[in-house]
Protein backbone atom coordinates (compact mmCIF):
# COMPACT_ATOMS: atom_id res chain seq x y z
CA MET A 1 33.51 70.70 56.41
CA TRP A 2 31.56 72.64 59.05
CA SER A 3 28.34 71.52 57.43
CA ARG A 4 29.55 67.93 57.85
CA PRO A 5 31.04 67.86 61.37
CA TYR A 6 31.48 64.08 61.24
CA LEU A 7 34.40 64.71 58.88
CA LEU A 8 36.27 66.19 61.84
CA PHE A 9 36.04 62.93 63.78
CA PRO A 10 39.27 61.38 62.36
CA VAL A 11 41.12 64.64 63.06
CA LEU A 12 39.89 64.69 66.66
CA VAL A 13 40.81 61.04 67.17
CA PHE A 14 44.33 61.67 65.82
CA ALA A 15 44.76 64.78 67.98
CA ALA A 16 43.58 62.92 71.09
CA ALA A 17 45.94 60.02 70.40
CA PHE A 18 48.83 62.42 69.82
CA PHE A 19 48.09 64.26 73.09
CA LEU A 20 47.74 61.07 75.15
CA ASP A 21 50.95 59.72 73.66
CA LYS A 22 52.94 62.71 74.96
CA LEU A 23 51.52 62.39 78.48
CA PHE A 24 53.81 59.41 79.05
CA PHE A 25 56.82 61.72 78.65
CA VAL A 26 55.69 64.64 80.84
CA GLY A 27 57.32 65.34 84.19
CA GLY A 28 59.95 62.62 84.01
CA PHE A 29 57.38 59.81 84.02
CA SER A 30 59.41 58.00 81.35
CA ILE A 31 61.80 56.89 84.11
CA TYR A 32 59.15 54.31 85.05
CA PHE A 33 59.18 52.46 81.72
CA LEU A 34 62.35 53.19 79.72
CA LYS A 35 64.82 50.31 79.68
CA THR A 36 67.62 51.66 77.51
CA ALA A 37 70.14 54.49 77.58
CA SER A 38 71.33 54.19 73.98
CA PHE A 39 69.51 57.41 73.03
CA LEU A 40 72.00 59.29 75.22
CA ASN A 41 74.80 58.26 72.85
CA TYR A 42 73.03 59.98 69.97
CA ASP A 43 72.10 63.08 72.01
CA HIS A 44 75.72 63.40 73.08
CA LYS A 45 76.93 63.68 69.48
CA ASP A 46 74.94 66.89 68.99
CA GLU A 47 76.93 68.32 71.90
CA LEU A 48 80.19 66.78 70.68
CA ILE A 49 80.08 68.50 67.31
CA ASN A 50 79.78 71.86 69.07
CA GLU A 51 82.77 70.95 71.25
CA LEU A 52 84.70 69.97 68.13
CA GLU A 53 83.89 73.26 66.42
CA ALA A 54 85.14 75.23 69.43
CA TYR A 55 88.27 73.08 69.71
CA LEU A 56 89.21 73.47 66.04
CA GLU A 57 89.26 77.24 66.50
CA GLN A 58 91.98 77.04 69.17
CA ALA A 59 95.37 78.16 67.93
CA ASP A 60 97.40 75.74 70.08
CA ARG A 61 95.22 72.69 69.60
CA ARG A 62 96.33 69.12 68.99
CA LYS A 63 95.70 67.46 65.66
CA VAL A 64 92.19 65.98 65.56
CA VAL A 65 91.07 62.53 64.44
CA VAL A 66 87.30 62.05 64.15
CA LEU A 67 86.10 58.49 64.51
CA PHE A 68 82.81 57.24 63.09
CA GLY A 69 81.90 53.72 64.11
CA ASN A 70 79.54 51.47 66.02
CA SER A 71 79.40 49.88 69.46
CA ARG A 72 82.76 48.16 68.86
CA THR A 73 84.58 51.50 68.63
CA MET A 74 82.62 53.39 71.30
CA SER A 75 85.13 52.32 73.96
CA PHE A 76 88.18 53.83 72.23
CA ASP A 77 89.89 55.75 75.03
CA LEU A 78 90.76 59.42 74.57
CA ARG A 79 93.47 59.26 77.25
CA TYR A 80 95.14 56.33 75.48
CA ILE A 81 95.12 58.13 72.13
CA GLU A 82 96.62 61.30 73.61
CA SER A 83 99.33 59.36 75.49
CA ALA A 84 100.19 56.88 72.72
CA TYR A 85 100.09 59.51 69.96
CA PRO A 86 101.41 62.81 71.31
CA GLY A 87 100.03 65.80 69.49
CA TRP A 88 96.76 64.06 68.58
CA THR A 89 93.32 63.97 70.18
CA LEU A 90 90.16 61.99 69.45
CA PHE A 91 86.53 63.01 68.90
CA ASN A 92 84.55 59.77 68.91
CA PHE A 93 81.23 59.92 67.05
CA SER A 94 80.60 56.17 67.31
CA VAL A 95 77.07 55.11 68.28
CA PRO A 96 75.32 51.75 68.74
CA GLY A 97 74.60 50.33 65.30
CA GLY A 98 76.34 53.20 63.50
CA THR A 99 75.64 52.95 59.78
CA SER A 100 76.72 54.85 56.69
CA ASP A 101 73.63 57.08 56.59
CA TYR A 102 74.44 58.25 60.13
CA PHE A 103 78.00 59.00 58.98
CA LEU A 104 76.68 60.94 55.97
CA ARG A 105 74.32 62.99 58.16
CA TYR A 106 77.29 64.30 60.17
CA MET A 107 79.57 64.67 57.18
CA GLU A 108 76.95 66.96 55.64
CA GLU A 109 76.86 68.95 58.86
CA PHE A 110 80.65 69.13 58.98
CA GLU A 111 80.61 70.54 55.46
CA SER A 112 77.85 73.06 56.16
CA ARG A 113 79.75 74.32 59.24
CA SER A 114 83.13 74.23 57.47
CA LEU A 115 84.64 71.88 60.07
CA ARG A 116 88.00 70.50 58.95
CA PRO A 117 89.49 67.91 61.34
CA ASP A 118 92.92 66.58 60.43
CA PHE A 119 91.85 62.98 59.93
CA PHE A 120 88.69 60.88 59.64
CA TYR A 121 88.42 57.19 60.48
CA PHE A 122 85.34 55.22 59.43
CA ALA A 123 84.70 51.85 61.07
CA VAL A 124 82.09 50.47 58.67
CA THR A 125 79.80 47.53 59.46
CA PRO A 126 79.61 45.47 56.22
CA GLN A 127 76.35 43.78 57.28
CA ALA A 128 74.58 47.15 57.06
CA PHE A 129 74.93 47.03 53.27
CA ASN A 130 73.06 43.75 52.85
CA ALA A 131 69.69 43.72 51.10
CA ALA A 132 68.28 42.58 54.46
CA PRO A 133 70.68 44.33 56.91
CA VAL A 134 71.67 42.46 60.04
CA VAL A 135 72.24 45.84 61.72
CA ASN A 136 69.05 47.31 63.13
CA MET A 137 68.35 50.41 61.03
CA ASP A 138 65.45 51.45 63.23
CA GLU A 139 67.52 52.83 66.13
CA VAL A 140 69.92 54.74 63.89
CA MET A 141 67.12 56.34 61.89
CA LEU A 142 65.08 57.38 64.92
CA ASN A 143 67.89 58.65 67.14
CA GLY A 144 70.69 59.53 64.74
CA LEU A 145 68.98 61.09 61.72
CA THR A 146 67.03 64.32 61.47
CA PRO A 147 63.69 64.56 59.63
CA ALA A 148 65.33 66.94 57.14
CA PHE A 149 68.04 64.40 56.36
CA VAL A 150 65.54 61.57 55.89
CA ALA A 151 63.42 63.80 53.62
CA ARG A 152 66.44 64.69 51.44
CA HIS A 153 67.47 61.06 51.04
CA MET A 154 64.08 59.37 51.16
CA ASN A 155 64.70 57.66 47.82
CA ARG A 156 67.42 55.64 49.58
CA TYR A 157 65.02 54.04 52.04
CA LYS A 158 62.37 51.39 51.70
CA ALA A 159 58.74 52.46 52.07
CA ASN A 160 58.31 50.47 55.28
CA ASP A 161 61.41 52.13 56.78
CA LEU A 162 59.96 55.56 56.02
CA SER A 163 56.50 54.75 57.36
CA ASN A 164 58.03 53.25 60.50
CA TYR A 165 60.21 56.34 60.96
CA MET A 166 57.28 58.77 60.62
CA ALA A 167 55.01 56.76 62.91
CA LYS A 168 57.59 56.45 65.67
CA GLN A 169 58.64 60.09 65.42
CA MET A 170 55.02 61.18 65.88
CA PHE A 171 54.02 58.61 68.49
CA TRP A 172 56.75 58.04 71.06
CA THR A 173 54.89 55.27 72.86
CA TYR A 174 55.05 53.28 69.62
CA GLN A 175 58.82 53.80 69.65
CA TYR A 176 59.50 53.02 73.31
CA ARG A 177 56.64 50.57 73.93
CA PRO A 178 55.94 51.30 77.64
CA LYS A 179 54.71 48.16 79.38
CA PHE A 180 52.11 48.38 82.13
CA ARG A 181 53.76 45.65 84.21
CA VAL A 182 57.10 47.52 84.13
CA ILE A 183 55.42 50.77 85.19
CA MET A 184 53.60 49.09 88.06
CA ARG A 185 56.71 47.24 89.22
CA ARG A 186 58.80 50.40 89.28
CA LEU A 187 56.08 52.34 91.06
CA ARG A 188 56.21 49.66 93.77
CA THR A 189 60.01 49.33 93.73
CA PRO A 190 61.85 52.68 94.15
CA ALA A 191 65.18 50.82 94.21
CA GLU A 192 64.67 49.76 90.57
CA VAL A 193 63.97 53.36 89.54
CA GLN A 194 67.06 54.50 91.44
CA ALA A 195 69.17 51.84 89.71
CA TYR A 196 67.99 53.03 86.30
CA GLU A 197 68.68 56.66 87.20
CA THR A 198 72.18 55.63 88.33
CA PHE A 199 72.67 53.82 85.01
CA LEU A 200 71.65 56.96 83.08
CA ALA A 201 73.97 59.14 85.18
CA PHE A 202 76.87 56.69 84.66
CA THR A 203 76.27 56.67 80.90
CA LYS A 204 76.23 60.48 80.74
CA THR A 205 79.47 60.65 82.75
CA ALA A 206 81.15 58.05 80.52
CA LEU A 207 80.21 60.03 77.43
CA SER A 208 81.45 63.38 78.74
């Protein structure tokens, strides 16, 4: 290869593109183009499973129901469950567009960590099982599934789903599609940036 340096050109182009892609996410710059907070719901579940593990080890704990669902079940209120059903508590793993592969990812993790809640409730979206799912698989795959999980079950996915997943995991700008006009508007309008930061903070508080 060193005798044919032109063969390195595609590698250098890929490396440059990869590096430039990550610059958009350095130093909190993403606040100027992100328009969603749904990724926080998925990040929160990685914290929630640790909280569940610690809670299950308590000797005087309540009985635990674990809920897997979608946006329709995200609003189930812990305080209502604990008041209406004394002796029970809720760990809500619902996420926007929750699908069965997301449920399986966490069930595998529950098994590997020997987590044994008292009851599971699955709120399944039937449309996700269609040949052409109405539920958007893209968000669940990118935010809710790990690369190891996708690799283990890759025979369950279509080729275009897998290629889309790999491309968006490597190039975050392809996933989040930052728009120049949004960046420029927020740079000129601090109030819009503040509103988005408030929205993120509210979402984090609601999930805690």
